[in-house]
C-alpha cells in the first residue's frame, strides 16, 4: 500500500508522464507566453540599437515559453510530483493583475467602450498590490510600500535610461505638466516622490511593529 501511494505521489507508474505537476506548469507557462505574444502583436519591436516598446516584453515572453517547454519535456524524463489539490485564489489574483496591467497601461478599446490609459505610474502599483494579495500573509501597507518602491525603478529604466515608448503617465495629464518641464523631468520628480512615500510607509510600519512588539514584551 505504501509503495502504491509513493508511486502515485511521485508520478511513477502514471504512464509516459512521470511528473504531472511539471507538465501542467510547463503548459501554463507556454500558454501565458503565447497570450503575451498575441497581445504584443501590433507593437513595434525595433532593434537592439533602437528598441521598440515590444522588444523587451516579447523577449521575456519567448524566454518564458522556452522555460515552459523545458519544464514540460522534463515531465517525461524525470519522476516528479503529481498534481495536488490547491486553492485557485492565488493564481486567479496573479492573472487578474497581469490582465489589469495589460488593459490599462495604454488606452484599450472594447467595441464602443474605450478604457483610458493610466500609464505605468498608476497601472504598475495597482497591479503589484493585486498580485501581492495572492498570498494570505499579505498586508496592504507592505504592498503599498513595495508597489511605490518598485514602480519608480521601472519608470526610470524604461522611460529615462532606455527611452522606450512606454506610456508613463495618463494621457489626460500630459498636457497639464508645468510649462517648460519635459516629460523626463516630471518622470524623475515623480519617481523621487514615490520613493519618498514608500520609504515613509515602510519606516512608520516598522516603527509601529517595533512598538507593538515592545508592548507585548512588557
N, C-alpha and C. Protein backbone atom coordinates (compact mmCIF):
# COMPACT_ATOMS: atom_id res chain seq x y z
N UNK A 1 0.83 -1.21 0.00
CA UNK A 1 0.00 0.00 0.00
C UNK A 1 0.86 1.26 0.00
N UNK A 2 1.90 1.25 0.82
CA UNK A 2 2.80 2.40 0.87
C UNK A 2 3.52 2.61 -0.44
N UNK A 3 3.90 1.50 -1.09
CA UNK A 3 4.60 1.60 -2.37
C UNK A 3 3.69 2.20 -3.43
N UNK A 4 2.42 1.80 -3.43
CA UNK A 4 1.48 2.34 -4.41
C UNK A 4 1.27 3.83 -4.19
N UNK A 5 1.13 4.24 -2.91
CA UNK A 5 0.94 5.65 -2.61
C UNK A 5 2.15 6.46 -3.04
N UNK A 6 3.34 5.91 -2.78
CA UNK A 6 4.57 6.61 -3.17
C UNK A 6 4.65 6.76 -4.68
N UNK A 7 4.28 5.71 -5.42
CA UNK A 7 4.32 5.77 -6.88
C UNK A 7 3.34 6.81 -7.40
N UNK A 8 2.16 6.90 -6.80
CA UNK A 8 1.18 7.88 -7.25
C UNK A 8 1.63 9.30 -6.91
N UNK A 9 2.26 9.47 -5.74
CA UNK A 9 2.67 10.80 -5.32
C UNK A 9 3.81 11.33 -6.17
N UNK A 10 4.73 10.48 -6.56
CA UNK A 10 5.90 10.92 -7.33
C UNK A 10 5.67 10.87 -8.83
N UNK A 11 4.56 10.27 -9.24
CA UNK A 11 4.27 10.24 -10.67
C UNK A 11 4.75 8.99 -11.34
N UNK A 12 5.44 8.06 -10.65
CA UNK A 12 5.89 6.82 -11.26
C UNK A 12 4.69 5.92 -11.48
N UNK A 13 4.72 5.23 -12.59
CA UNK A 13 3.62 4.33 -12.88
C UNK A 13 2.42 5.03 -13.44
N UNK A 14 2.53 6.32 -13.78
CA UNK A 14 1.40 7.07 -14.31
C UNK A 14 1.50 7.20 -15.82
N UNK A 15 1.96 6.16 -16.52
CA UNK A 15 2.06 6.21 -17.96
C UNK A 15 3.35 6.88 -18.38
N UNK A 16 3.30 7.57 -19.53
CA UNK A 16 4.51 8.22 -20.04
C UNK A 16 4.83 9.51 -19.30
N UNK A 17 3.84 10.13 -18.67
CA UNK A 17 4.07 11.36 -17.91
C UNK A 17 4.56 10.99 -16.52
N UNK A 18 5.81 11.28 -16.23
CA UNK A 18 6.41 10.89 -14.96
C UNK A 18 6.31 12.00 -13.92
N UNK A 19 6.05 13.22 -14.34
CA UNK A 19 5.91 14.35 -13.42
C UNK A 19 4.74 15.22 -13.87
N UNK A 20 3.52 14.84 -13.52
CA UNK A 20 2.34 15.58 -13.96
C UNK A 20 2.36 17.05 -13.56
N UNK A 21 2.90 17.36 -12.38
CA UNK A 21 2.95 18.75 -11.94
C UNK A 21 3.85 19.58 -12.84
N UNK A 22 4.98 19.03 -13.26
CA UNK A 22 5.87 19.74 -14.18
C UNK A 22 5.19 19.98 -15.53
N UNK A 23 4.45 18.99 -15.99
CA UNK A 23 3.77 19.12 -17.27
C UNK A 23 2.71 20.22 -17.22
N UNK A 24 1.92 20.23 -16.15
CA UNK A 24 0.89 21.26 -16.01
C UNK A 24 1.51 22.64 -15.90
N UNK A 25 2.59 22.76 -15.13
CA UNK A 25 3.25 24.06 -15.00
C UNK A 25 3.87 24.52 -16.31
N UNK A 26 4.48 23.61 -17.04
CA UNK A 26 5.08 23.96 -18.32
C UNK A 26 4.05 24.41 -19.33
N UNK A 27 2.93 23.70 -19.40
CA UNK A 27 1.86 24.10 -20.33
C UNK A 27 1.28 25.46 -19.96
N UNK A 28 1.16 25.73 -18.66
CA UNK A 28 0.64 27.02 -18.22
C UNK A 28 1.60 28.15 -18.61
N UNK A 29 2.90 27.93 -18.46
CA UNK A 29 3.88 28.95 -18.85
C UNK A 29 3.85 29.20 -20.35
N UNK A 30 3.73 28.14 -21.14
CA UNK A 30 3.67 28.32 -22.59
C UNK A 30 2.39 29.04 -23.01
N UNK A 31 1.28 28.75 -22.33
CA UNK A 31 0.03 29.44 -22.63
C UNK A 31 0.13 30.92 -22.30
N UNK A 32 0.77 31.23 -21.17
CA UNK A 32 0.95 32.63 -20.78
C UNK A 32 1.86 33.35 -21.76
N UNK A 33 2.91 32.68 -22.22
CA UNK A 33 3.81 33.28 -23.20
C UNK A 33 3.10 33.53 -24.52
N UNK A 34 2.27 32.58 -24.94
CA UNK A 34 1.51 32.74 -26.18
C UNK A 34 0.54 33.91 -26.07
N UNK A 35 -0.10 34.06 -24.91
CA UNK A 35 -1.02 35.18 -24.71
C UNK A 35 -0.27 36.51 -24.78
N UNK A 36 0.91 36.57 -24.17
CA UNK A 36 1.70 37.80 -24.19
C UNK A 36 2.13 38.16 -25.61
N UNK A 37 2.57 37.17 -26.38
CA UNK A 37 2.97 37.43 -27.76
C UNK A 37 1.79 37.90 -28.60
N UNK A 38 0.62 37.35 -28.33
CA UNK A 38 -0.58 37.77 -29.08
C UNK A 38 -0.95 39.21 -28.74
N UNK A 39 -0.86 39.58 -27.46
CA UNK A 39 -1.18 40.94 -27.05
C UNK A 39 -0.17 41.95 -27.60
N UNK A 40 1.06 41.49 -27.85
CA UNK A 40 2.12 42.38 -28.33
C UNK A 40 2.23 42.41 -29.85
N UNK A 41 1.31 41.76 -30.52
CA UNK A 41 1.45 41.55 -31.97
C UNK A 41 1.45 42.87 -32.75
N UNK A 42 0.78 43.89 -32.26
CA UNK A 42 0.67 45.15 -33.01
C UNK A 42 1.73 46.17 -32.61
N UNK A 43 2.58 45.84 -31.66
CA UNK A 43 3.60 46.79 -31.20
C UNK A 43 4.91 46.56 -31.94
N UNK A 44 5.65 47.64 -32.12
CA UNK A 44 6.92 47.57 -32.85
C UNK A 44 8.04 47.10 -31.91
N UNK A 45 8.76 46.07 -32.34
CA UNK A 45 9.87 45.55 -31.52
C UNK A 45 11.14 46.35 -31.74
N UNK A 46 11.32 46.92 -32.93
CA UNK A 46 12.53 47.68 -33.22
C UNK A 46 13.74 46.77 -33.32
N UNK A 47 14.89 47.28 -32.91
CA UNK A 47 16.14 46.52 -32.95
C UNK A 47 16.91 46.77 -31.66
N UNK A 48 18.08 46.11 -31.52
CA UNK A 48 18.87 46.29 -30.31
C UNK A 48 19.41 47.71 -30.20
N UNK A 49 19.67 48.34 -31.33
CA UNK A 49 20.17 49.71 -31.31
C UNK A 49 19.05 50.73 -31.11
N UNK A 50 17.87 50.42 -31.61
CA UNK A 50 16.70 51.29 -31.45
C UNK A 50 15.54 50.42 -30.99
N UNK A 51 15.50 50.16 -29.70
CA UNK A 51 14.49 49.25 -29.15
C UNK A 51 13.10 49.85 -29.19
N UNK A 52 12.16 49.04 -29.64
CA UNK A 52 10.77 49.44 -29.62
C UNK A 52 10.10 49.01 -28.33
N UNK A 53 8.84 49.39 -28.18
CA UNK A 53 8.13 49.11 -26.93
C UNK A 53 7.88 47.62 -26.72
N UNK A 54 7.93 46.82 -27.80
CA UNK A 54 7.61 45.40 -27.67
C UNK A 54 8.83 44.50 -27.58
N UNK A 55 10.02 45.06 -27.75
CA UNK A 55 11.22 44.21 -27.80
C UNK A 55 11.46 43.45 -26.49
N UNK A 56 11.53 44.17 -25.39
CA UNK A 56 11.81 43.51 -24.12
C UNK A 56 10.66 42.61 -23.67
N UNK A 57 9.38 43.07 -23.71
CA UNK A 57 8.29 42.15 -23.34
C UNK A 57 8.24 40.91 -24.22
N UNK A 58 8.53 41.09 -25.53
CA UNK A 58 8.50 39.94 -26.43
C UNK A 58 9.63 38.96 -26.12
N UNK A 59 10.81 39.49 -25.79
CA UNK A 59 11.93 38.63 -25.42
C UNK A 59 11.63 37.87 -24.13
N UNK A 60 11.01 38.54 -23.16
CA UNK A 60 10.64 37.88 -21.92
C UNK A 60 9.60 36.80 -22.16
N UNK A 61 8.65 37.08 -23.07
CA UNK A 61 7.62 36.10 -23.39
C UNK A 61 8.23 34.86 -24.04
N UNK A 62 9.17 35.08 -24.95
CA UNK A 62 9.83 33.95 -25.60
C UNK A 62 10.62 33.14 -24.57
N UNK A 63 11.34 33.83 -23.70
CA UNK A 63 12.08 33.13 -22.65
C UNK A 63 11.16 32.34 -21.73
N UNK A 64 10.02 32.92 -21.39
CA UNK A 64 9.05 32.22 -20.56
C UNK A 64 8.51 30.99 -21.26
N UNK A 65 8.25 31.11 -22.56
CA UNK A 65 7.77 29.97 -23.33
C UNK A 65 8.80 28.85 -23.40
N UNK A 66 10.07 29.22 -23.57
CA UNK A 66 11.13 28.20 -23.61
C UNK A 66 11.28 27.50 -22.26
N UNK A 67 11.14 28.26 -21.18
CA UNK A 67 11.18 27.64 -19.85
C UNK A 67 10.02 26.67 -19.68
N UNK A 68 8.84 27.06 -20.17
CA UNK A 68 7.69 26.17 -20.09
C UNK A 68 7.89 24.91 -20.91
N UNK A 69 8.51 25.06 -22.09
CA UNK A 69 8.79 23.90 -22.93
C UNK A 69 9.76 22.95 -22.25
N UNK A 70 10.83 23.51 -21.66
CA UNK A 70 11.80 22.67 -20.96
C UNK A 70 11.16 21.96 -19.78
N UNK A 71 10.30 22.66 -19.05
CA UNK A 71 9.62 22.05 -17.90
C UNK A 71 8.69 20.94 -18.35
N UNK A 72 8.01 21.14 -19.48
CA UNK A 72 7.10 20.12 -19.99
C UNK A 72 7.86 18.88 -20.44
N UNK A 73 9.00 19.08 -21.10
CA UNK A 73 9.80 17.95 -21.56
C UNK A 73 10.34 17.16 -20.36
N UNK A 74 10.72 17.87 -19.31
CA UNK A 74 11.25 17.18 -18.13
C UNK A 74 10.21 16.28 -17.48
N UNK A 75 8.93 16.57 -17.71
CA UNK A 75 7.88 15.75 -17.12
C UNK A 75 7.88 14.34 -17.67
N UNK A 76 8.47 14.14 -18.87
CA UNK A 76 8.52 12.81 -19.49
C UNK A 76 9.85 12.11 -19.22
N UNK A 77 10.81 12.84 -18.64
CA UNK A 77 12.15 12.28 -18.46
C UNK A 77 12.48 11.92 -17.01
N UNK A 78 11.99 12.73 -16.09
CA UNK A 78 12.34 12.51 -14.68
C UNK A 78 11.08 12.41 -13.83
N UNK A 79 11.09 11.53 -12.83
CA UNK A 79 9.92 11.43 -11.95
C UNK A 79 9.76 12.68 -11.10
N UNK A 80 8.54 13.03 -10.82
CA UNK A 80 8.27 14.22 -10.01
C UNK A 80 6.94 14.10 -9.31
N UNK A 81 6.45 15.22 -8.83
CA UNK A 81 5.23 15.23 -8.03
C UNK A 81 3.99 15.15 -8.90
N UNK A 82 2.96 14.54 -8.33
CA UNK A 82 1.66 14.51 -9.00
C UNK A 82 0.94 15.82 -8.75
N UNK A 83 -0.10 16.09 -9.52
CA UNK A 83 -0.88 17.30 -9.34
C UNK A 83 -1.74 17.16 -8.10
N UNK A 84 -1.56 18.07 -7.17
CA UNK A 84 -2.32 18.03 -5.93
C UNK A 84 -3.40 19.10 -5.94
N UNK A 85 -4.38 18.87 -5.11
CA UNK A 85 -5.47 19.84 -4.99
C UNK A 85 -4.94 21.13 -4.38
N UNK A 86 -5.28 22.25 -4.95
CA UNK A 86 -4.78 23.53 -4.47
C UNK A 86 -5.86 24.59 -4.60
N UNK A 87 -5.69 25.68 -3.90
CA UNK A 87 -6.63 26.78 -3.97
C UNK A 87 -6.34 27.62 -5.22
N UNK A 88 -7.39 28.10 -5.87
CA UNK A 88 -7.23 28.90 -7.08
C UNK A 88 -7.15 30.39 -6.77
N UNK A 89 -7.30 30.75 -5.51
CA UNK A 89 -7.33 32.16 -5.12
C UNK A 89 -6.07 32.90 -5.56
N UNK A 90 -4.91 32.33 -5.26
CA UNK A 90 -3.65 32.99 -5.60
C UNK A 90 -3.43 33.13 -7.09
N UNK A 91 -3.49 32.03 -7.86
CA UNK A 91 -3.28 32.14 -9.31
C UNK A 91 -4.26 33.08 -10.00
N UNK A 92 -5.50 33.10 -9.53
CA UNK A 92 -6.51 33.97 -10.14
C UNK A 92 -6.13 35.44 -9.94
N UNK A 93 -5.66 35.79 -8.74
CA UNK A 93 -5.26 37.17 -8.48
C UNK A 93 -4.05 37.58 -9.31
N UNK A 94 -3.09 36.67 -9.47
CA UNK A 94 -1.92 36.97 -10.29
C UNK A 94 -2.34 37.22 -11.74
N UNK A 95 -3.19 36.36 -12.27
CA UNK A 95 -3.67 36.54 -13.65
C UNK A 95 -4.49 37.82 -13.77
N UNK A 96 -5.26 38.13 -12.73
CA UNK A 96 -6.05 39.37 -12.74
C UNK A 96 -5.14 40.59 -12.77
N UNK A 97 -4.04 40.53 -12.01
CA UNK A 97 -3.09 41.64 -12.01
C UNK A 97 -2.45 41.84 -13.38
N UNK A 98 -2.08 40.73 -14.03
CA UNK A 98 -1.49 40.81 -15.36
C UNK A 98 -2.48 41.41 -16.35
N UNK A 99 -3.73 40.93 -16.30
CA UNK A 99 -4.75 41.43 -17.21
C UNK A 99 -5.03 42.91 -16.97
N UNK A 100 -5.09 43.31 -15.71
CA UNK A 100 -5.33 44.72 -15.38
C UNK A 100 -4.22 45.60 -15.96
N UNK A 101 -2.98 45.18 -15.76
CA UNK A 101 -1.85 45.97 -16.26
C UNK A 101 -1.87 46.07 -17.78
N UNK A 102 -2.15 44.96 -18.45
CA UNK A 102 -2.15 44.95 -19.92
C UNK A 102 -3.27 45.82 -20.49
N UNK A 103 -4.41 45.88 -19.80
CA UNK A 103 -5.57 46.59 -20.33
C UNK A 103 -5.59 48.07 -19.96
N UNK A 104 -4.79 48.48 -18.98
CA UNK A 104 -4.89 49.86 -18.51
C UNK A 104 -3.64 50.70 -18.72
N UNK A 105 -2.51 50.10 -19.08
CA UNK A 105 -1.30 50.91 -19.23
C UNK A 105 -1.42 51.86 -20.42
N UNK A 106 -2.16 51.47 -21.43
CA UNK A 106 -2.43 52.35 -22.57
C UNK A 106 -3.92 52.22 -22.92
N UNK A 107 -4.50 53.18 -23.63
CA UNK A 107 -5.93 53.08 -23.97
C UNK A 107 -6.24 51.77 -24.68
N UNK A 108 -7.36 51.16 -24.31
CA UNK A 108 -7.76 49.87 -24.85
C UNK A 108 -9.23 49.93 -25.22
N UNK A 109 -9.53 49.63 -26.48
CA UNK A 109 -10.90 49.71 -26.97
C UNK A 109 -11.57 48.34 -26.96
N UNK A 110 -12.76 48.28 -26.38
CA UNK A 110 -13.58 47.07 -26.39
C UNK A 110 -14.91 47.44 -27.01
N UNK A 111 -15.01 47.26 -28.34
CA UNK A 111 -16.21 47.69 -29.04
C UNK A 111 -16.34 49.20 -28.96
N UNK A 112 -17.50 49.70 -28.54
CA UNK A 112 -17.68 51.16 -28.44
C UNK A 112 -17.06 51.75 -27.17
N UNK A 113 -16.60 50.91 -26.28
CA UNK A 113 -16.06 51.38 -25.00
C UNK A 113 -14.54 51.43 -25.08
N UNK A 114 -13.96 52.55 -24.66
CA UNK A 114 -12.50 52.71 -24.63
C UNK A 114 -12.04 52.90 -23.19
N UNK A 115 -11.15 52.00 -22.75
CA UNK A 115 -10.59 52.11 -21.41
C UNK A 115 -9.45 53.12 -21.45
N UNK A 116 -9.52 54.19 -20.67
CA UNK A 116 -8.45 55.21 -20.72
C UNK A 116 -7.13 54.64 -20.23
N UNK A 117 -6.06 55.02 -20.89
CA UNK A 117 -4.74 54.57 -20.48
C UNK A 117 -4.29 55.26 -19.20
N UNK A 118 -3.89 54.49 -18.21
CA UNK A 118 -3.46 55.05 -16.93
C UNK A 118 -1.96 55.28 -16.87
N UNK A 119 -1.22 54.64 -17.77
CA UNK A 119 0.23 54.77 -17.75
C UNK A 119 0.86 53.89 -16.68
N UNK A 120 2.17 53.75 -16.80
CA UNK A 120 2.92 52.89 -15.88
C UNK A 120 2.83 53.37 -14.44
N UNK A 121 2.75 54.68 -14.23
CA UNK A 121 2.79 55.24 -12.89
C UNK A 121 1.57 54.84 -12.06
N UNK A 122 0.46 54.51 -12.70
CA UNK A 122 -0.75 54.10 -11.98
C UNK A 122 -1.01 52.61 -12.15
N UNK A 123 -0.87 52.09 -13.36
CA UNK A 123 -1.17 50.68 -13.62
C UNK A 123 -0.25 49.75 -12.85
N UNK A 124 1.05 50.06 -12.80
CA UNK A 124 2.01 49.16 -12.16
C UNK A 124 1.76 49.01 -10.66
N UNK A 125 1.62 50.11 -9.88
CA UNK A 125 1.38 49.93 -8.44
C UNK A 125 0.11 49.14 -8.14
N UNK A 126 -0.96 49.41 -8.88
CA UNK A 126 -2.22 48.70 -8.62
C UNK A 126 -2.05 47.22 -8.95
N UNK A 127 -1.37 46.91 -10.06
CA UNK A 127 -1.16 45.51 -10.43
C UNK A 127 -0.30 44.79 -9.39
N UNK A 128 0.71 45.47 -8.84
CA UNK A 128 1.56 44.86 -7.82
C UNK A 128 0.76 44.56 -6.56
N UNK A 129 -0.12 45.48 -6.17
CA UNK A 129 -0.94 45.26 -4.97
C UNK A 129 -1.90 44.10 -5.19
N UNK A 130 -2.52 44.04 -6.36
CA UNK A 130 -3.45 42.95 -6.65
C UNK A 130 -2.73 41.61 -6.60
N UNK A 131 -1.57 41.52 -7.25
CA UNK A 131 -0.81 40.27 -7.26
C UNK A 131 -0.30 39.93 -5.87
N UNK A 132 0.01 40.94 -5.07
CA UNK A 132 0.53 40.69 -3.72
C UNK A 132 -0.47 40.00 -2.81
N UNK A 133 -1.75 40.25 -3.04
CA UNK A 133 -2.78 39.63 -2.21
C UNK A 133 -2.98 38.15 -2.57
N UNK A 134 -2.18 37.64 -3.49
CA UNK A 134 -2.26 36.21 -3.81
C UNK A 134 -1.83 35.36 -2.63
N UNK A 135 -1.05 35.94 -1.73
CA UNK A 135 -0.66 35.21 -0.52
C UNK A 135 -1.48 35.70 0.66
N UNK A 136 -1.99 34.79 1.49
CA UNK A 136 -2.82 35.20 2.63
C UNK A 136 -2.07 36.06 3.65
N UNK A 137 -0.74 35.98 3.63
CA UNK A 137 0.05 36.74 4.61
C UNK A 137 0.27 38.19 4.19
N UNK A 138 -0.25 38.60 3.04
CA UNK A 138 -0.01 39.96 2.54
C UNK A 138 -0.69 40.99 3.42
N UNK A 139 -0.01 42.14 3.57
CA UNK A 139 -0.55 43.27 4.31
C UNK A 139 -0.54 44.49 3.40
N UNK A 140 -1.62 45.27 3.44
CA UNK A 140 -1.80 46.37 2.49
C UNK A 140 -0.66 47.38 2.59
N UNK A 141 -0.26 47.76 3.79
CA UNK A 141 0.79 48.78 3.94
C UNK A 141 2.11 48.29 3.33
N UNK A 142 2.44 47.03 3.55
CA UNK A 142 3.68 46.49 2.99
C UNK A 142 3.60 46.43 1.46
N UNK A 143 2.43 46.07 0.94
CA UNK A 143 2.27 46.01 -0.51
C UNK A 143 2.34 47.41 -1.13
N UNK A 144 1.79 48.41 -0.44
CA UNK A 144 1.88 49.78 -0.94
C UNK A 144 3.32 50.25 -0.98
N UNK A 145 4.07 49.95 0.08
CA UNK A 145 5.48 50.34 0.10
C UNK A 145 6.24 49.64 -1.02
N UNK A 146 5.95 48.36 -1.25
CA UNK A 146 6.61 47.61 -2.32
C UNK A 146 6.24 48.19 -3.69
N UNK A 147 4.95 48.45 -3.89
CA UNK A 147 4.50 48.96 -5.19
C UNK A 147 5.09 50.33 -5.49
N UNK A 148 5.09 51.22 -4.49
CA UNK A 148 5.62 52.57 -4.69
C UNK A 148 7.14 52.58 -4.73
N UNK A 149 7.77 51.49 -4.28
CA UNK A 149 9.22 51.40 -4.36
C UNK A 149 9.71 50.80 -5.66
N UNK A 150 8.97 49.83 -6.20
CA UNK A 150 9.38 49.17 -7.45
C UNK A 150 9.04 50.00 -8.69
N UNK A 151 7.88 50.63 -8.67
CA UNK A 151 7.43 51.36 -9.87
C UNK A 151 8.39 52.45 -10.32
N UNK A 152 8.96 53.27 -9.41
CA UNK A 152 9.91 54.30 -9.88
C UNK A 152 11.12 53.72 -10.61
N UNK A 153 11.61 52.55 -10.16
CA UNK A 153 12.75 51.95 -10.85
C UNK A 153 12.35 51.56 -12.28
N UNK A 154 11.14 51.03 -12.44
CA UNK A 154 10.66 50.69 -13.79
C UNK A 154 10.51 51.94 -14.64
N UNK A 155 9.98 53.00 -14.04
CA UNK A 155 9.80 54.25 -14.77
C UNK A 155 11.13 54.81 -15.24
N UNK A 156 12.12 54.83 -14.34
CA UNK A 156 13.43 55.38 -14.69
C UNK A 156 14.16 54.52 -15.71
N UNK A 157 14.01 53.19 -15.59
CA UNK A 157 14.71 52.29 -16.51
C UNK A 157 14.14 52.38 -17.91
N UNK A 158 12.80 52.22 -18.00
CA UNK A 158 12.18 52.16 -19.33
C UNK A 158 11.96 53.53 -19.94
N UNK A 159 11.57 54.50 -19.12
CA UNK A 159 11.23 55.82 -19.66
C UNK A 159 12.39 56.78 -19.75
N UNK A 160 13.41 56.61 -18.88
CA UNK A 160 14.51 57.56 -18.84
C UNK A 160 15.79 56.97 -19.44
N UNK A 161 16.24 55.82 -18.94
CA UNK A 161 17.50 55.25 -19.39
C UNK A 161 17.39 54.60 -20.77
N UNK A 162 16.36 53.77 -20.98
CA UNK A 162 16.22 53.06 -22.25
C UNK A 162 15.41 53.81 -23.30
N UNK A 163 14.71 54.86 -22.88
CA UNK A 163 13.91 55.67 -23.81
C UNK A 163 12.89 54.85 -24.59
N UNK A 164 12.29 53.86 -23.94
CA UNK A 164 11.28 53.06 -24.61
C UNK A 164 9.95 53.82 -24.64
N UNK A 165 9.22 53.69 -25.74
CA UNK A 165 7.95 54.42 -25.86
C UNK A 165 6.83 53.77 -25.06
N UNK A 166 7.06 53.58 -23.78
CA UNK A 166 6.05 53.02 -22.90
C UNK A 166 5.33 54.18 -22.21
N UNK A 167 4.01 54.20 -22.25
CA UNK A 167 3.30 55.31 -21.59
C UNK A 167 3.55 55.32 -20.09
N UNK A 168 4.11 56.39 -19.60
CA UNK A 168 4.44 56.51 -18.17
C UNK A 168 3.29 57.16 -17.41
N UNK A 169 2.72 58.22 -17.99
CA UNK A 169 1.67 58.98 -17.34
C UNK A 169 0.35 58.81 -18.09
N UNK A 170 -0.78 59.04 -17.41
CA UNK A 170 -2.06 59.05 -18.12
C UNK A 170 -2.05 60.12 -19.21
N UNK A 171 -2.59 59.76 -20.37
CA UNK A 171 -2.57 60.71 -21.50
C UNK A 171 -3.28 62.01 -21.15
N UNK A 172 -4.28 61.95 -20.29
CA UNK A 172 -5.05 63.14 -19.95
C UNK A 172 -4.25 64.12 -19.08
N UNK A 173 -3.15 63.67 -18.48
CA UNK A 173 -2.37 64.55 -17.60
C UNK A 173 -1.15 65.16 -18.28
N UNK A 174 -0.79 64.65 -19.44
CA UNK A 174 0.45 65.12 -20.09
C UNK A 174 0.37 66.61 -20.41
N UNK A 175 -0.80 67.08 -20.84
CA UNK A 175 -0.94 68.49 -21.19
C UNK A 175 -0.94 69.40 -19.97
N UNK A 176 -1.07 68.84 -18.77
CA UNK A 176 -1.11 69.66 -17.56
C UNK A 176 0.25 69.75 -16.86
N UNK A 177 1.31 69.24 -17.49
CA UNK A 177 2.64 69.35 -16.91
C UNK A 177 3.03 70.82 -16.81
N UNK A 178 3.85 71.18 -15.82
CA UNK A 178 4.30 72.57 -15.69
C UNK A 178 4.99 73.06 -16.96
N UNK A 179 4.75 74.29 -17.30
CA UNK A 179 5.33 74.85 -18.53
C UNK A 179 6.85 74.84 -18.45
N UNK A 180 7.47 74.34 -19.50
CA UNK A 180 8.92 74.28 -19.55
C UNK A 180 9.49 72.98 -19.02
N UNK A 181 8.65 72.13 -18.46
CA UNK A 181 9.11 70.84 -17.93
C UNK A 181 8.96 69.78 -19.01
N UNK A 182 10.00 69.00 -19.23
CA UNK A 182 9.90 67.87 -20.15
C UNK A 182 9.28 66.68 -19.43
N UNK A 183 8.87 65.69 -20.21
CA UNK A 183 8.28 64.51 -19.60
C UNK A 183 9.30 63.78 -18.73
N UNK A 184 10.57 63.79 -19.14
CA UNK A 184 11.60 63.13 -18.33
C UNK A 184 11.79 63.84 -16.99
N UNK A 185 11.69 65.17 -17.00
CA UNK A 185 11.84 65.91 -15.75
C UNK A 185 10.70 65.57 -14.78
N UNK A 186 9.49 65.52 -15.31
CA UNK A 186 8.34 65.15 -14.48
C UNK A 186 8.49 63.72 -13.99
N UNK A 187 8.99 62.83 -14.87
CA UNK A 187 9.20 61.43 -14.51
C UNK A 187 10.16 61.32 -13.33
N UNK A 188 11.25 62.06 -13.36
CA UNK A 188 12.25 61.98 -12.29
C UNK A 188 11.70 62.51 -10.98
N UNK A 189 10.98 63.62 -11.05
CA UNK A 189 10.40 64.19 -9.83
C UNK A 189 9.36 63.23 -9.24
N UNK A 190 8.53 62.66 -10.11
CA UNK A 190 7.51 61.72 -9.64
C UNK A 190 8.15 60.48 -9.04
N UNK A 191 9.26 60.01 -9.62
CA UNK A 191 9.96 58.83 -9.10
C UNK A 191 10.50 59.10 -7.70
N UNK A 192 11.11 60.27 -7.52
CA UNK A 192 11.65 60.61 -6.20
C UNK A 192 10.54 60.71 -5.17
N UNK A 193 9.41 61.31 -5.58
CA UNK A 193 8.28 61.46 -4.65
C UNK A 193 7.71 60.10 -4.26
N UNK A 194 7.60 59.18 -5.22
CA UNK A 194 7.07 57.85 -4.92
C UNK A 194 8.01 57.08 -4.01
N UNK A 195 9.32 57.19 -4.25
CA UNK A 195 10.28 56.52 -3.38
C UNK A 195 10.24 57.09 -1.97
N UNK A 196 10.03 58.40 -1.85
CA UNK A 196 9.94 59.02 -0.53
C UNK A 196 8.72 58.51 0.23
N UNK A 197 7.59 58.42 -0.47
CA UNK A 197 6.37 57.91 0.17
C UNK A 197 6.54 56.46 0.57
N UNK A 198 7.16 55.65 -0.31
CA UNK A 198 7.39 54.24 0.00
C UNK A 198 8.28 54.09 1.24
N UNK A 199 9.34 54.91 1.31
CA UNK A 199 10.23 54.87 2.47
C UNK A 199 9.50 55.28 3.75
N UNK A 200 8.63 56.29 3.65
CA UNK A 200 7.87 56.74 4.82
C UNK A 200 6.92 55.65 5.30
N UNK A 201 6.22 55.02 4.37
CA UNK A 201 5.29 53.94 4.75
C UNK A 201 6.04 52.80 5.41
N UNK A 202 7.18 52.42 4.80
CA UNK A 202 7.96 51.31 5.35
C UNK A 202 8.49 51.65 6.74
N UNK A 203 9.00 52.88 6.92
CA UNK A 203 9.57 53.28 8.20
C UNK A 203 8.51 53.33 9.30
N UNK A 204 7.37 53.92 9.00
CA UNK A 204 6.30 54.01 10.01
C UNK A 204 5.76 52.63 10.34
N UNK A 205 5.67 51.75 9.34
CA UNK A 205 5.19 50.39 9.59
C UNK A 205 6.16 49.62 10.47
N UNK A 206 7.47 49.77 10.22
CA UNK A 206 8.48 49.10 11.06
C UNK A 206 8.45 49.65 12.48
N UNK A 207 8.29 50.97 12.59
CA UNK A 207 8.25 51.59 13.92
C UNK A 207 7.02 51.12 14.70
N UNK A 208 5.90 51.02 14.01
CA UNK A 208 4.67 50.56 14.66
C UNK A 208 4.81 49.11 15.10
N UNK A 209 5.40 48.29 14.23
CA UNK A 209 5.61 46.87 14.58
C UNK A 209 6.55 46.74 15.77
N UNK A 210 7.60 47.58 15.80
CA UNK A 210 8.53 47.54 16.92
C UNK A 210 7.87 47.95 18.23
N UNK A 211 6.98 48.95 18.15
CA UNK A 211 6.27 49.39 19.36
C UNK A 211 5.36 48.31 19.88
N UNK A 212 4.63 47.66 18.98
CA UNK A 212 3.73 46.58 19.39
C UNK A 212 4.51 45.43 20.00
N UNK A 213 5.65 45.10 19.40
CA UNK A 213 6.49 44.01 19.93
C UNK A 213 7.02 44.35 21.31
N UNK A 214 7.42 45.61 21.52
CA UNK A 214 7.92 46.05 22.82
C UNK A 214 6.83 46.00 23.88
N UNK A 215 5.60 46.42 23.49
CA UNK A 215 4.49 46.36 24.43
C UNK A 215 4.16 44.95 24.85
N UNK A 216 4.27 44.00 23.92
CA UNK A 216 4.00 42.63 24.24
C UNK A 216 5.05 42.08 25.20
N UNK A 217 6.31 42.50 25.02
CA UNK A 217 7.36 42.04 25.92
C UNK A 217 7.18 42.60 27.33
N UNK A 218 6.71 43.88 27.41
CA UNK A 218 6.50 44.48 28.72
C UNK A 218 5.29 43.84 29.43
